[in-house]
PDB file of all heavy atoms in Angstrom:
ATOM      1  N   GLN A   1      -8.772  -6.485   7.032  1.00  0.00           N
ATOM      2  CA  GLN A   1      -8.810  -6.413   5.569  1.00  0.00           C
ATOM      3  C   GLN A   1     -10.199  -6.773   5.061  1.00  0.00           C
ATOM      4  O   GLN A   1     -10.974  -7.371   5.787  1.00  0.00           O
ATOM      5  CB  GLN A   1      -7.754  -7.372   4.994  1.00  0.00           C
ATOM      6  CG  GLN A   1      -6.331  -7.029   5.379  1.00  0.00           C
ATOM      7  CD  GLN A   1      -5.320  -7.887   4.651  1.00  0.00           C
ATOM      8  OE1 GLN A   1      -5.413  -8.142   3.454  1.00  0.00           O
ATOM      9  NE2 GLN A   1      -4.310  -8.347   5.396  1.00  0.00           N
ATOM     10  N   PRO A   2     -10.503  -6.398   3.820  1.00  0.00           N
ATOM     11  CA  PRO A   2      -9.686  -5.789   2.767  1.00  0.00           C
ATOM     12  C   PRO A   2      -9.395  -4.308   3.014  1.00  0.00           C
ATOM     13  O   PRO A   2     -10.062  -3.646   3.801  1.00  0.00           O
ATOM     14  CB  PRO A   2     -10.544  -5.982   1.505  1.00  0.00           C
ATOM     15  CG  PRO A   2     -11.481  -7.089   1.820  1.00  0.00           C
ATOM     16  CD  PRO A   2     -11.778  -6.916   3.282  1.00  0.00           C
ATOM     17  N   PHE A   3      -8.365  -3.797   2.273  1.00  0.00           N
ATOM     18  CA  PHE A   3      -8.013  -2.394   2.278  1.00  0.00           C
ATOM     19  C   PHE A   3      -8.483  -1.735   0.978  1.00  0.00           C
ATOM     20  O   PHE A   3      -8.671  -2.417  -0.032  1.00  0.00           O
ATOM     21  CB  PHE A   3      -6.496  -2.210   2.418  1.00  0.00           C
ATOM     22  CG  PHE A   3      -5.990  -2.492   3.804  1.00  0.00           C
ATOM     23  CD1 PHE A   3      -5.262  -3.640   4.060  1.00  0.00           C
ATOM     24  CD2 PHE A   3      -6.222  -1.605   4.841  1.00  0.00           C
ATOM     25  CE1 PHE A   3      -4.783  -3.906   5.338  1.00  0.00           C
ATOM     26  CE2 PHE A   3      -5.754  -1.855   6.114  1.00  0.00           C
ATOM     27  CZ  PHE A   3      -5.037  -3.011   6.375  1.00  0.00           C
ATOM     28  N   TYR A   4      -8.620  -0.394   1.025  1.00  0.00           N
ATOM     29  CA  TYR A   4      -9.195   0.355  -0.102  1.00  0.00           C
ATOM     30  C   TYR A   4      -8.338   1.568  -0.428  1.00  0.00           C
ATOM     31  O   TYR A   4      -7.846   2.257   0.477  1.00  0.00           O
ATOM     32  CB  TYR A   4     -10.605   0.813   0.262  1.00  0.00           C
ATOM     33  CG  TYR A   4     -11.180   1.883  -0.645  1.00  0.00           C
ATOM     34  CD1 TYR A   4     -11.633   1.570  -1.926  1.00  0.00           C
ATOM     35  CD2 TYR A   4     -11.267   3.212  -0.219  1.00  0.00           C
ATOM     36  CE1 TYR A   4     -12.158   2.550  -2.760  1.00  0.00           C
ATOM     37  CE2 TYR A   4     -11.789   4.195  -1.045  1.00  0.00           C
ATOM     38  CZ  TYR A   4     -12.234   3.856  -2.317  1.00  0.00           C
ATOM     39  OH  TYR A   4     -12.746   4.830  -3.139  1.00  0.00           O
ATOM     40  N   VAL A   5      -8.147   1.842  -1.735  1.00  0.00           N
ATOM     41  CA  VAL A   5      -7.631   3.136  -2.211  1.00  0.00           C
ATOM     42  C   VAL A   5      -8.565   3.622  -3.315  1.00  0.00           C
ATOM     43  O   VAL A   5      -9.134   2.824  -4.061  1.00  0.00           O
ATOM     44  CB  VAL A   5      -6.180   3.044  -2.747  1.00  0.00           C
ATOM     45  CG1 VAL A   5      -5.192   2.774  -1.646  1.00  0.00           C
ATOM     46  CG2 VAL A   5      -6.061   2.033  -3.863  1.00  0.00           C
ATOM     47  N   ASN A   6      -8.703   4.939  -3.419  1.00  0.00           N
ATOM     48  CA  ASN A   6      -9.666   5.462  -4.396  1.00  0.00           C
ATOM     49  C   ASN A   6      -9.023   5.837  -5.722  1.00  0.00           C
ATOM     50  O   ASN A   6      -9.723   6.216  -6.665  1.00  0.00           O
ATOM     51  CB  ASN A   6     -10.415   6.673  -3.815  1.00  0.00           C
ATOM     52  CG  ASN A   6      -9.525   7.881  -3.606  1.00  0.00           C
ATOM     53  OD1 ASN A   6      -8.301   7.780  -3.708  1.00  0.00           O
ATOM     54  ND2 ASN A   6     -10.134   9.012  -3.278  1.00  0.00           N
ATOM     55  N   SER A   7      -7.681   5.750  -5.814  1.00  0.00           N
ATOM     56  CA  SER A   7      -7.026   6.147  -7.061  1.00  0.00           C
ATOM     57  C   SER A   7      -5.914   5.158  -7.391  1.00  0.00           C
ATOM     58  O   SER A   7      -5.126   4.781  -6.515  1.00  0.00           O
ATOM     59  CB  SER A   7      -6.412   7.546  -6.901  1.00  0.00           C
ATOM     60  OG  SER A   7      -5.676   7.921  -8.047  1.00  0.00           O
ATOM     61  N   PRO A   8      -5.835   4.678  -8.637  1.00  0.00           N
ATOM     62  CA  PRO A   8      -6.768   4.990  -9.729  1.00  0.00           C
ATOM     63  C   PRO A   8      -7.992   4.070  -9.695  1.00  0.00           C
ATOM     64  O   PRO A   8      -7.903   2.943  -9.226  1.00  0.00           O
ATOM     65  CB  PRO A   8      -5.917   4.707 -10.969  1.00  0.00           C
ATOM     66  CG  PRO A   8      -5.022   3.579 -10.538  1.00  0.00           C
ATOM     67  CD  PRO A   8      -4.718   3.824  -9.089  1.00  0.00           C
ATOM     68  N   PHE A   9      -9.080   4.529 -10.161  1.00  0.00           N
ATOM     69  CA  PHE A   9     -10.323   3.784 -10.373  1.00  0.00           C
ATOM     70  C   PHE A   9     -11.045   3.411  -9.080  1.00  0.00           C
ATOM     71  O   PHE A   9     -12.258   3.321  -9.035  1.00  0.00           O
ATOM     72  CB  PHE A   9     -10.076   2.475 -11.169  1.00  0.00           C
ATOM     73  CG  PHE A   9      -9.295   2.668 -12.417  1.00  0.00           C
ATOM     74  CD1 PHE A   9      -7.990   2.232 -12.508  1.00  0.00           C
ATOM     75  CD2 PHE A   9      -9.857   3.313 -13.505  1.00  0.00           C
ATOM     76  CE1 PHE A   9      -7.252   2.424 -13.667  1.00  0.00           C
ATOM     77  CE2 PHE A   9      -9.136   3.506 -14.670  1.00  0.00           C
ATOM     78  CZ  PHE A   9      -7.822   3.066 -14.747  1.00  0.00           C
ATOM     79  N   GLY A  10     -10.338   3.148  -8.016  1.00  0.00           N
ATOM     80  CA  GLY A  10     -10.870   2.537  -6.800  1.00  0.00           C
ATOM     81  C   GLY A  10     -10.490   1.065  -6.785  1.00  0.00           C
ATOM     82  O   GLY A  10     -10.882   0.309  -7.680  1.00  0.00           O
ATOM     83  N   ILE A  11      -9.679   0.681  -5.815  1.00  0.00           N
ATOM     84  CA  ILE A  11      -9.203  -0.704  -5.713  1.00  0.00           C
ATOM     85  C   ILE A  11      -9.357  -1.172  -4.272  1.00  0.00           C
ATOM     86  O   ILE A  11      -9.044  -0.429  -3.335  1.00  0.00           O
ATOM     87  CB  ILE A  11      -7.716  -0.832  -6.118  1.00  0.00           C
ATOM     88  CG1 ILE A  11      -7.453  -0.186  -7.473  1.00  0.00           C
ATOM     89  CG2 ILE A  11      -7.278  -2.301  -6.141  1.00  0.00           C
ATOM     90  CD1 ILE A  11      -5.966  -0.084  -7.823  1.00  0.00           C
ATOM     91  N   VAL A  12      -9.818  -2.398  -4.075  1.00  0.00           N
ATOM     92  CA  VAL A  12      -9.800  -3.043  -2.764  1.00  0.00           C
ATOM     93  C   VAL A  12      -8.962  -4.310  -2.889  1.00  0.00           C
ATOM     94  O   VAL A  12      -8.949  -4.961  -3.942  1.00  0.00           O
ATOM     95  CB  VAL A  12     -11.209  -3.379  -2.235  1.00  0.00           C
ATOM     96  CG1 VAL A  12     -11.941  -2.120  -1.806  1.00  0.00           C
ATOM     97  CG2 VAL A  12     -12.021  -4.155  -3.254  1.00  0.00           C
ATOM     98  N   LEU A  13      -8.260  -4.660  -1.810  1.00  0.00           N
ATOM     99  CA  LEU A  13      -7.323  -5.777  -1.866  1.00  0.00           C
ATOM    100  C   LEU A  13      -7.279  -6.512  -0.541  1.00  0.00           C
ATOM    101  O   LEU A  13      -7.350  -5.905   0.537  1.00  0.00           O
ATOM    102  CB  LEU A  13      -5.929  -5.250  -2.238  1.00  0.00           C
ATOM    103  CG  LEU A  13      -4.759  -6.236  -2.274  1.00  0.00           C
ATOM    104  CD1 LEU A  13      -3.774  -5.842  -3.391  1.00  0.00           C
ATOM    105  CD2 LEU A  13      -4.019  -6.285  -0.939  1.00  0.00           C
ATOM    106  N   ALA A  14      -7.150  -7.839  -0.624  1.00  0.00           N
ATOM    107  CA  ALA A  14      -6.921  -8.691   0.539  1.00  0.00           C
ATOM    108  C   ALA A  14      -5.741  -9.593   0.243  1.00  0.00           C
ATOM    109  O   ALA A  14      -5.561 -10.051  -0.882  1.00  0.00           O
ATOM    110  CB  ALA A  14      -8.171  -9.518   0.857  1.00  0.00           C
ATOM    111  N   HIS A  15      -4.959  -9.885   1.274  1.00  0.00           N
ATOM    112  CA  HIS A  15      -3.638 -10.503   1.070  1.00  0.00           C
ATOM    113  C   HIS A  15      -3.379 -11.561   2.136  1.00  0.00           C
ATOM    114  O   HIS A  15      -3.671 -11.364   3.311  1.00  0.00           O
ATOM    115  CB  HIS A  15      -2.592  -9.371   1.141  1.00  0.00           C
ATOM    116  CG  HIS A  15      -1.192  -9.808   1.447  1.00  0.00           C
ATOM    117  ND1 HIS A  15      -0.400  -9.150   2.380  1.00  0.00           N
ATOM    118  CD2 HIS A  15      -0.434 -10.809   0.963  1.00  0.00           C
ATOM    119  CE1 HIS A  15       0.783  -9.727   2.427  1.00  0.00           C
ATOM    120  NE2 HIS A  15       0.792 -10.743   1.587  1.00  0.00           N
ATOM    121  N   ASN A  16      -2.839 -12.692   1.701  1.00  0.00           N
ATOM    122  CA  ASN A  16      -2.371 -13.740   2.607  1.00  0.00           C
ATOM    123  C   ASN A  16      -0.872 -13.881   2.429  1.00  0.00           C
ATOM    124  O   ASN A  16      -0.395 -14.157   1.329  1.00  0.00           O
ATOM    125  CB  ASN A  16      -3.068 -15.071   2.295  1.00  0.00           C
ATOM    126  CG  ASN A  16      -2.475 -16.232   3.067  1.00  0.00           C
ATOM    127  OD1 ASN A  16      -2.010 -16.068   4.199  1.00  0.00           O
ATOM    128  ND2 ASN A  16      -2.488 -17.409   2.467  1.00  0.00           N
ATOM    129  N   GLY A  17      -0.108 -13.704   3.495  1.00  0.00           N
ATOM    130  CA  GLY A  17       1.336 -13.829   3.423  1.00  0.00           C
ATOM    131  C   GLY A  17       2.023 -12.742   4.204  1.00  0.00           C
ATOM    132  O   GLY A  17       1.448 -12.148   5.123  1.00  0.00           O
ATOM    133  N   ASN A  18       3.259 -12.440   3.839  1.00  0.00           N
ATOM    134  CA  ASN A  18       4.017 -11.411   4.523  1.00  0.00           C
ATOM    135  C   ASN A  18       5.115 -10.901   3.600  1.00  0.00           C
ATOM    136  O   ASN A  18       5.878 -11.691   3.024  1.00  0.00           O
ATOM    137  CB  ASN A  18       4.657 -11.968   5.803  1.00  0.00           C
ATOM    138  CG  ASN A  18       5.324 -10.882   6.628  1.00  0.00           C
ATOM    139  OD1 ASN A  18       4.697  -9.897   6.996  1.00  0.00           O
ATOM    140  ND2 ASN A  18       6.608 -11.052   6.902  1.00  0.00           N
ATOM    141  N   LEU A  19       5.181  -9.577   3.428  1.00  0.00           N
ATOM    142  CA  LEU A  19       6.249  -8.969   2.641  1.00  0.00           C
ATOM    143  C   LEU A  19       7.485  -8.820   3.514  1.00  0.00           C
ATOM    144  O   LEU A  19       7.396  -8.366   4.659  1.00  0.00           O
ATOM    145  CB  LEU A  19       5.819  -7.601   2.107  1.00  0.00           C
ATOM    146  CG  LEU A  19       4.577  -7.557   1.204  1.00  0.00           C
ATOM    147  CD1 LEU A  19       4.355  -6.138   0.700  1.00  0.00           C
ATOM    148  CD2 LEU A  19       4.696  -8.524   0.045  1.00  0.00           C
ATOM    149  N   THR A  20       8.629  -9.159   2.952  1.00  0.00           N
ATOM    150  CA  THR A  20       9.867  -9.074   3.728  1.00  0.00           C
ATOM    151  C   THR A  20      10.598  -7.753   3.518  1.00  0.00           C
ATOM    152  O   THR A  20      11.592  -7.489   4.204  1.00  0.00           O
ATOM    153  CB  THR A  20      10.802 -10.244   3.358  1.00  0.00           C
ATOM    154  OG1 THR A  20      10.959 -10.296   1.943  1.00  0.00           O
ATOM    155  CG2 THR A  20      10.227 -11.563   3.846  1.00  0.00           C
ATOM    156  N   ASN A  21      10.132  -6.930   2.592  1.00  0.00           N
ATOM    157  CA  ASN A  21      10.754  -5.616   2.383  1.00  0.00           C
ATOM    158  C   ASN A  21       9.733  -4.494   2.597  1.00  0.00           C
ATOM    159  O   ASN A  21       9.754  -3.470   1.907  1.00  0.00           O
ATOM    160  CB  ASN A  21      11.386  -5.520   0.994  1.00  0.00           C
ATOM    161  CG  ASN A  21      10.359  -5.611  -0.141  1.00  0.00           C
ATOM    162  OD1 ASN A  21       9.309  -6.215   0.029  1.00  0.00           O
ATOM    163  ND2 ASN A  21      10.676  -5.015  -1.279  1.00  0.00           N
ATOM    164  N   THR A  22       8.882  -4.664   3.584  1.00  0.00           N
ATOM    165  CA  THR A  22       7.803  -3.699   3.843  1.00  0.00           C
ATOM    166  C   THR A  22       8.338  -2.302   4.110  1.00  0.00           C
ATOM    167  O   THR A  22       7.799  -1.306   3.591  1.00  0.00           O
ATOM    168  CB  THR A  22       6.949  -4.162   5.032  1.00  0.00           C
ATOM    169  OG1 THR A  22       6.403  -5.447   4.753  1.00  0.00           O
ATOM    170  CG2 THR A  22       5.817  -3.194   5.296  1.00  0.00           C
ATOM    171  N   GLU A  23       9.382  -2.191   4.935  1.00  0.00           N
ATOM    172  CA  GLU A  23       9.867  -0.863   5.317  1.00  0.00           C
ATOM    173  C   GLU A  23      10.430  -0.103   4.119  1.00  0.00           C
ATOM    174  O   GLU A  23      10.229   1.101   3.980  1.00  0.00           O
ATOM    175  CB  GLU A  23      10.917  -0.985   6.427  1.00  0.00           C
ATOM    176  CG  GLU A  23      10.404  -1.633   7.706  1.00  0.00           C
ATOM    177  CD  GLU A  23       9.220  -0.905   8.300  1.00  0.00           C
ATOM    178  OE1 GLU A  23       9.134   0.334   8.120  1.00  0.00           O
ATOM    179  OE2 GLU A  23       8.383  -1.555   8.944  1.00  0.00           O
ATOM    180  N   VAL A  24      11.148  -0.801   3.261  1.00  0.00           N
ATOM    181  CA  VAL A  24      11.653  -0.174   2.033  1.00  0.00           C
ATOM    182  C   VAL A  24      10.490   0.296   1.171  1.00  0.00           C
ATOM    183  O   VAL A  24      10.495   1.415   0.639  1.00  0.00           O
ATOM    184  CB  VAL A  24      12.547  -1.158   1.255  1.00  0.00           C
ATOM    185  CG1 VAL A  24      12.843  -0.631  -0.146  1.00  0.00           C
ATOM    186  CG2 VAL A  24      13.838  -1.416   2.008  1.00  0.00           C
ATOM    187  N   LEU A  25       9.489  -0.552   1.020  1.00  0.00           N
ATOM    188  CA  LEU A  25       8.321  -0.195   0.203  1.00  0.00           C
ATOM    189  C   LEU A  25       7.559   0.991   0.796  1.00  0.00           C
ATOM    190  O   LEU A  25       7.059   1.842   0.054  1.00  0.00           O
ATOM    191  CB  LEU A  25       7.397  -1.403   0.065  1.00  0.00           C
ATOM    192  CG  LEU A  25       7.913  -2.550  -0.802  1.00  0.00           C
ATOM    193  CD1 LEU A  25       6.978  -3.757  -0.706  1.00  0.00           C
ATOM    194  CD2 LEU A  25       8.052  -2.119  -2.257  1.00  0.00           C
ATOM    195  N   LYS A  26       7.478   1.062   2.118  1.00  0.00           N
ATOM    196  CA  LYS A  26       6.801   2.207   2.747  1.00  0.00           C
ATOM    197  C   LYS A  26       7.476   3.510   2.352  1.00  0.00           C
ATOM    198  O   LYS A  26       6.809   4.511   2.053  1.00  0.00           O
ATOM    199  CB  LYS A  26       6.818   2.052   4.274  1.00  0.00           C
ATOM    200  CG  LYS A  26       5.738   1.157   4.839  1.00  0.00           C
ATOM    201  CD  LYS A  26       5.811   1.153   6.361  1.00  0.00           C
ATOM    202  CE  LYS A  26       4.738   0.256   6.948  1.00  0.00           C
ATOM    203  NZ  LYS A  26       4.836   0.185   8.432  1.00  0.00           N
ATOM    204  N   ASP A  27       8.809   3.508   2.374  1.00  0.00           N
ATOM    205  CA  ASP A  27       9.551   4.705   1.957  1.00  0.00           C
ATOM    206  C   ASP A  27       9.260   5.044   0.501  1.00  0.00           C
ATOM    207  O   ASP A  27       9.032   6.207   0.153  1.00  0.00           O
ATOM    208  CB  ASP A  27      11.055   4.466   2.129  1.00  0.00           C
ATOM    209  CG  ASP A  27      11.512   4.692   3.559  1.00  0.00           C
ATOM    210  OD1 ASP A  27      10.689   5.126   4.380  1.00  0.00           O
ATOM    211  OD2 ASP A  27      12.692   4.422   3.854  1.00  0.00           O
ATOM    212  N   GLU A  28       9.286   4.024  -0.351  1.00  0.00           N
ATOM    213  CA  GLU A  28       9.047   4.255  -1.775  1.00  0.00           C
ATOM    214  C   GLU A  28       7.631   4.778  -2.010  1.00  0.00           C
ATOM    215  O   GLU A  28       7.430   5.714  -2.812  1.00  0.00           O
ATOM    216  CB  GLU A  28       9.242   2.961  -2.549  1.00  0.00           C
ATOM    217  CG  GLU A  28      10.668   2.465  -2.611  1.00  0.00           C
ATOM    218  CD  GLU A  28      10.792   1.149  -3.360  1.00  0.00           C
ATOM    219  OE1 GLU A  28       9.757   0.610  -3.810  1.00  0.00           O
ATOM    220  OE2 GLU A  28      11.920   0.670  -3.499  1.00  0.00           O
ATOM    221  N   VAL A  29       6.665   4.178  -1.349  1.00  0.00           N
ATOM    222  CA  VAL A  29       5.267   4.568  -1.534  1.00  0.00           C
ATOM    223  C   VAL A  29       5.060   6.025  -1.126  1.00  0.00           C
ATOM    224  O   VAL A  29       4.361   6.793  -1.802  1.00  0.00           O
ATOM    225  CB  VAL A  29       4.337   3.629  -0.733  1.00  0.00           C
ATOM    226  CG1 VAL A  29       2.949   4.228  -0.581  1.00  0.00           C
ATOM    227  CG2 VAL A  29       4.243   2.266  -1.418  1.00  0.00           C
ATOM    228  N   PHE A  30       5.695   6.419  -0.018  1.00  0.00           N
ATOM    229  CA  PHE A  30       5.495   7.787   0.493  1.00  0.00           C
ATOM    230  C   PHE A  30       6.305   8.812  -0.302  1.00  0.00           C
ATOM    231  O   PHE A  30       5.777   9.835  -0.737  1.00  0.00           O
ATOM    232  CB  PHE A  30       5.871   7.831   1.975  1.00  0.00           C
ATOM    233  CG  PHE A  30       5.691   9.193   2.596  1.00  0.00           C
ATOM    234  CD1 PHE A  30       4.413   9.700   2.823  1.00  0.00           C
ATOM    235  CD2 PHE A  30       6.782   9.967   2.951  1.00  0.00           C
ATOM    236  CE1 PHE A  30       4.236  10.957   3.390  1.00  0.00           C
ATOM    237  CE2 PHE A  30       6.624  11.221   3.518  1.00  0.00           C
ATOM    238  CZ  PHE A  30       5.344  11.721   3.744  1.00  0.00           C
ATOM    239  N   LYS A  31       7.605   8.513  -0.506  1.00  0.00           N
ATOM    240  CA  LYS A  31       8.493   9.516  -1.098  1.00  0.00           C
ATOM    241  C   LYS A  31       8.446   9.539  -2.620  1.00  0.00           C
ATOM    242  O   LYS A  31       8.523  10.607  -3.244  1.00  0.00           O
ATOM    243  CB  LYS A  31       9.925   9.263  -0.642  1.00  0.00           C
ATOM    244  CG  LYS A  31      10.128   9.440   0.858  1.00  0.00           C
ATOM    245  CD  LYS A  31      11.553   9.074   1.264  1.00  0.00           C
ATOM    246  CE  LYS A  31      11.761   9.204   2.763  1.00  0.00           C
ATOM    247  NZ  LYS A  31      13.133   8.783   3.169  1.00  0.00           N
ATOM    248  N   ASP A  32       8.341   8.369  -3.235  1.00  0.00           N
ATOM    249  CA  ASP A  32       8.406   8.292  -4.700  1.00  0.00           C
ATOM    250  C   ASP A  32       7.020   8.208  -5.339  1.00  0.00           C
ATOM    251  O   ASP A  32       6.751   8.889  -6.329  1.00  0.00           O
ATOM    252  CB  ASP A  32       9.243   7.090  -5.128  1.00  0.00           C
ATOM    253  CG  ASP A  32      10.661   7.142  -4.586  1.00  0.00           C
ATOM    254  OD1 ASP A  32      11.152   8.259  -4.348  1.00  0.00           O
ATOM    255  OD2 ASP A  32      11.265   6.065  -4.378  1.00  0.00           O
ATOM    256  N   ASP A  33       6.163   7.368  -4.779  1.00  0.00           N
ATOM    257  CA  ASP A  33       4.824   7.187  -5.370  1.00  0.00           C
ATOM    258  C   ASP A  33       3.850   8.264  -4.928  1.00  0.00           C
ATOM    259  O   ASP A  33       2.751   8.382  -5.495  1.00  0.00           O
ATOM    260  CB  ASP A  33       4.259   5.818  -4.989  1.00  0.00           C
ATOM    261  CG  ASP A  33       5.122   4.660  -5.456  1.00  0.00           C
ATOM    262  OD1 ASP A  33       6.092   4.916  -6.191  1.00  0.00           O
ATOM    263  OD2 ASP A  33       4.832   3.506  -5.075  1.00  0.00           O
ATOM    264  N   LEU A  34       4.223   9.028  -3.873  1.00  0.00           N
ATOM    265  CA  LEU A  34       3.378  10.100  -3.321  1.00  0.00           C
ATOM    266  C   LEU A  34       2.030   9.553  -2.860  1.00  0.00           C
ATOM    267  O   LEU A  34       0.970  10.129  -3.118  1.00  0.00           O
ATOM    268  CB  LEU A  34       3.193  11.221  -4.350  1.00  0.00           C
ATOM    269  CG  LEU A  34       4.482  11.847  -4.877  1.00  0.00           C
ATOM    270  CD1 LEU A  34       4.164  12.943  -5.881  1.00  0.00           C
ATOM    271  CD2 LEU A  34       5.340  12.378  -3.741  1.00  0.00           C
ATOM    272  N   ARG A  35       2.103   8.422  -2.162  1.00  0.00           N
ATOM    273  CA  ARG A  35       0.901   7.795  -1.616  1.00  0.00           C
ATOM    274  C   ARG A  35       1.020   7.696  -0.098  1.00  0.00           C
ATOM    275  O   ARG A  35       2.123   7.700   0.451  1.00  0.00           O
ATOM    276  CB  ARG A  35       0.693   6.408  -2.223  1.00  0.00           C
ATOM    277  CG  ARG A  35       0.265   6.468  -3.669  1.00  0.00           C
ATOM    278  CD  ARG A  35       0.037   5.096  -4.271  1.00  0.00           C
ATOM    279  NE  ARG A  35      -0.647   5.215  -5.536  1.00  0.00           N
ATOM    280  CZ  ARG A  35      -1.970   5.244  -5.681  1.00  0.00           C
ATOM    281  NH1 ARG A  35      -2.740   5.140  -4.619  1.00  0.00           N
ATOM    282  NH2 ARG A  35      -2.525   5.385  -6.865  1.00  0.00           N
ATOM    283  N   HIS A  36      -0.143   7.572   0.543  1.00  0.00           N
ATOM    284  CA  HIS A  36      -0.189   7.556   2.000  1.00  0.00           C
ATOM    285  C   HIS A  36      -0.643   6.192   2.510  1.00  0.00           C
ATOM    286  O   HIS A  36      -1.639   5.641   2.026  1.00  0.00           O
ATOM    287  CB  HIS A  36      -1.158   8.630   2.512  1.00  0.00           C
ATOM    288  CG  HIS A  36      -1.329   8.617   3.999  1.00  0.00           C
ATOM    289  ND1 HIS A  36      -0.325   8.968   4.868  1.00  0.00           N
ATOM    290  CD2 HIS A  36      -2.405   8.275   4.768  1.00  0.00           C
ATOM    291  CE1 HIS A  36      -0.767   8.858   6.111  1.00  0.00           C
ATOM    292  NE2 HIS A  36      -2.017   8.431   6.079  1.00  0.00           N
ATOM    293  N   VAL A  37       0.089   5.646   3.473  1.00  0.00           N
ATOM    294  CA  VAL A  37      -0.283   4.392   4.127  1.00  0.00           C
ATOM    295  C   VAL A  37      -0.723   4.710   5.544  1.00  0.00           C
ATOM    296  O   VAL A  37       0.011   5.363   6.295  1.00  0.00           O
ATOM    297  CB  VAL A  37       0.899   3.396   4.133  1.00  0.00           C
ATOM    298  CG1 VAL A  37       0.534   2.138   4.900  1.00  0.00           C
ATOM    299  CG2 VAL A  37       1.295   3.048   2.703  1.00  0.00           C
ATOM    300  N   ASN A  38      -1.891   4.248   5.910  1.00  0.00           N
ATOM    301  CA  ASN A  38      -2.519   4.682   7.154  1.00  0.00           C
ATOM    302  C   ASN A  38      -2.413   3.669   8.281  1.00  0.00           C
ATOM    303  O   ASN A  38      -2.819   3.957   9.406  1.00  0.00           O
ATOM    304  CB  ASN A  38      -4.005   4.994   6.888  1.00  0.00           C
ATOM    305  CG  ASN A  38      -4.587   5.918   7.929  1.00  0.00           C
ATOM    306  OD1 ASN A  38      -3.952   6.912   8.283  1.00  0.00           O
ATOM    307  ND2 ASN A  38      -5.769   5.591   8.426  1.00  0.00           N
ATOM    308  N   THR A  39      -1.905   2.464   8.005  1.00  0.00           N
ATOM    309  CA  THR A  39      -1.795   1.429   9.028  1.00  0.00           C
ATOM    310  C   THR A  39      -0.381   0.845   9.006  1.00  0.00           C
ATOM    311  O   THR A  39       0.443   1.212   8.177  1.00  0.00           O
ATOM    312  CB  THR A  39      -2.809   0.285   8.798  1.00  0.00           C
ATOM    313  OG1 THR A  39      -2.404  -0.476   7.641  1.00  0.00           O
ATOM    314  CG2 THR A  39      -4.222   0.816   8.585  1.00  0.00           C
TER     315      THR A  39
END
């Protein structure tokens, strides 16, 4: 980290912790938000 996305505006982010619903969010990000996660 940090990670980068170019839309909107360009954002970089760094995170400490752990999401417990990552797999659900991955589905939402890909199918509903139309975004791509590369890692």
